């Protein structure tokens, strides 16, 4: 199993609306690509004094090939939608992990 993690720090002024958009629009669109079998959203409990709230959005893929195909065929458009909707209101970084035990 491959875990694709995107950690996002979103401006507090739009954090509640962003979370709702993620749950109702963005994540369903990502999951509809069928490259991922499940997802979860976690809120980072250690807050920094930067005016934002941090979340980790995690998507589980069966194989690395699925993740690579998603990145190639779908991810650019998904990221463009988020940049257009929340310009200059978030920072993010991504990590790809291999699940070795559950």
Protein backbone atom coordinates (compact mmCIF):
# COMPACT_ATOMS: atom_id res chain seq x y z
CA UNK A 1 0.00 0.00 0.00
CA UNK A 2 1.26 3.49 -0.87
CA UNK A 3 0.33 6.49 1.26
CA UNK A 4 0.26 9.88 -0.46
CA UNK A 5 0.23 12.58 2.20
CA UNK A 6 -0.36 16.26 1.55
CA UNK A 7 0.17 18.55 4.52
CA UNK A 8 -1.57 21.91 4.11
CA UNK A 9 -1.36 25.00 6.28
CA UNK A 10 -4.43 27.08 5.43
CA UNK A 11 -5.10 30.67 6.52
CA UNK A 12 -7.45 30.74 9.50
CA UNK A 13 -9.68 33.27 7.70
CA UNK A 14 -10.70 30.58 5.18
CA UNK A 15 -9.88 27.36 7.06
CA UNK A 16 -13.48 26.32 7.82
CA UNK A 17 -14.64 26.97 4.25
CA UNK A 18 -11.55 25.20 2.86
CA UNK A 19 -12.18 22.12 5.00
CA UNK A 20 -15.79 21.98 3.83
CA UNK A 21 -14.68 22.35 0.19
CA UNK A 22 -12.11 19.59 0.68
CA UNK A 23 -14.72 17.23 2.14
CA UNK A 24 -17.55 18.02 -0.27
CA UNK A 25 -15.74 18.74 -3.54
CA UNK A 26 -11.99 18.19 -3.77
CA UNK A 27 -11.60 14.82 -2.04
CA UNK A 28 -14.66 13.31 -3.79
CA UNK A 29 -13.12 14.39 -7.13
CA UNK A 30 -9.79 12.80 -6.20
CA UNK A 31 -11.47 9.59 -5.05
CA UNK A 32 -13.58 9.46 -8.24
CA UNK A 33 -10.38 8.91 -10.23
CA UNK A 34 -10.36 5.42 -8.63
CA UNK A 35 -6.60 5.48 -8.04
CA UNK A 36 -7.07 5.56 -4.27
CA UNK A 37 -8.92 3.08 -2.07
CA UNK A 38 -9.40 5.30 0.99
CA UNK A 39 -8.48 8.64 2.48
CA UNK A 40 -8.36 10.42 5.79
CA UNK A 41 -8.02 13.97 7.02
CA UNK A 42 -6.09 14.71 10.19
CA UNK A 43 -5.69 18.05 11.93
CA UNK A 44 -2.22 18.80 13.28
CA UNK A 45 -2.63 19.37 17.00
CA UNK A 46 0.59 21.33 17.51
CA UNK A 47 -0.27 24.80 16.35
CA UNK A 48 2.25 27.35 15.20
CA UNK A 49 1.63 31.05 15.54
CA UNK A 50 1.45 31.69 11.80
CA UNK A 51 -2.23 32.53 11.35
CA UNK A 52 -3.07 29.15 9.86
CA UNK A 53 -4.40 25.70 10.64
CA UNK A 54 -2.54 22.62 9.45
CA UNK A 55 -4.13 19.45 8.08
CA UNK A 56 -2.70 16.23 6.68
CA UNK A 57 -4.78 14.74 3.89
CA UNK A 58 -3.82 11.14 3.25
CA UNK A 59 -4.76 9.03 0.25
CA UNK A 60 -4.07 5.29 0.04
CA UNK A 61 -3.16 3.70 -3.29
CA UNK A 62 -2.71 -0.02 -3.92
CA UNK A 63 0.43 0.40 -6.02
CA UNK A 64 3.01 3.03 -6.87
CA UNK A 65 1.92 2.80 -10.52
CA UNK A 66 -1.55 4.03 -9.50
CA UNK A 67 -0.07 7.04 -7.74
CA UNK A 68 2.20 7.84 -10.69
CA UNK A 69 -0.71 7.64 -13.12
CA UNK A 70 -2.82 9.89 -10.87
CA UNK A 71 0.02 12.43 -10.69
CA UNK A 72 0.47 12.36 -14.45
CA UNK A 73 -3.18 12.47 -15.55
CA UNK A 74 -5.15 14.20 -12.78
CA UNK A 75 -3.04 15.98 -10.20
CA UNK A 76 -2.11 19.09 -12.22
CA UNK A 77 -5.78 20.00 -12.75
CA UNK A 78 -6.67 19.25 -9.11
CA UNK A 79 -3.87 21.48 -7.85
CA UNK A 80 -4.81 24.25 -10.28
CA UNK A 81 -8.35 24.30 -8.83
CA UNK A 82 -7.03 24.71 -5.31
CA UNK A 83 -4.57 27.45 -6.31
CA UNK A 84 -7.34 29.33 -8.12
CA UNK A 85 -9.77 29.03 -5.21
CA UNK A 86 -7.27 29.84 -2.42
CA UNK A 87 -4.54 32.00 -3.95
CA UNK A 88 -1.80 32.97 -1.49
CA UNK A 89 -3.87 31.46 1.37
CA UNK A 90 -2.05 28.18 1.91
CA UNK A 91 1.26 26.41 1.77
CA UNK A 92 1.64 22.68 1.35
CA UNK A 93 4.13 19.89 0.99
CA UNK A 94 3.75 16.30 -0.10
CA UNK A 95 5.21 13.01 1.01
CA UNK A 96 4.93 9.55 -0.50
CA UNK A 97 5.27 6.67 1.95
CA UNK A 98 5.15 2.91 1.69
CA UNK A 99 2.96 1.27 4.32
CA UNK A 100 5.02 -1.55 5.80
CA UNK A 101 2.65 -2.64 8.60
CA UNK A 102 -0.88 -1.96 9.80
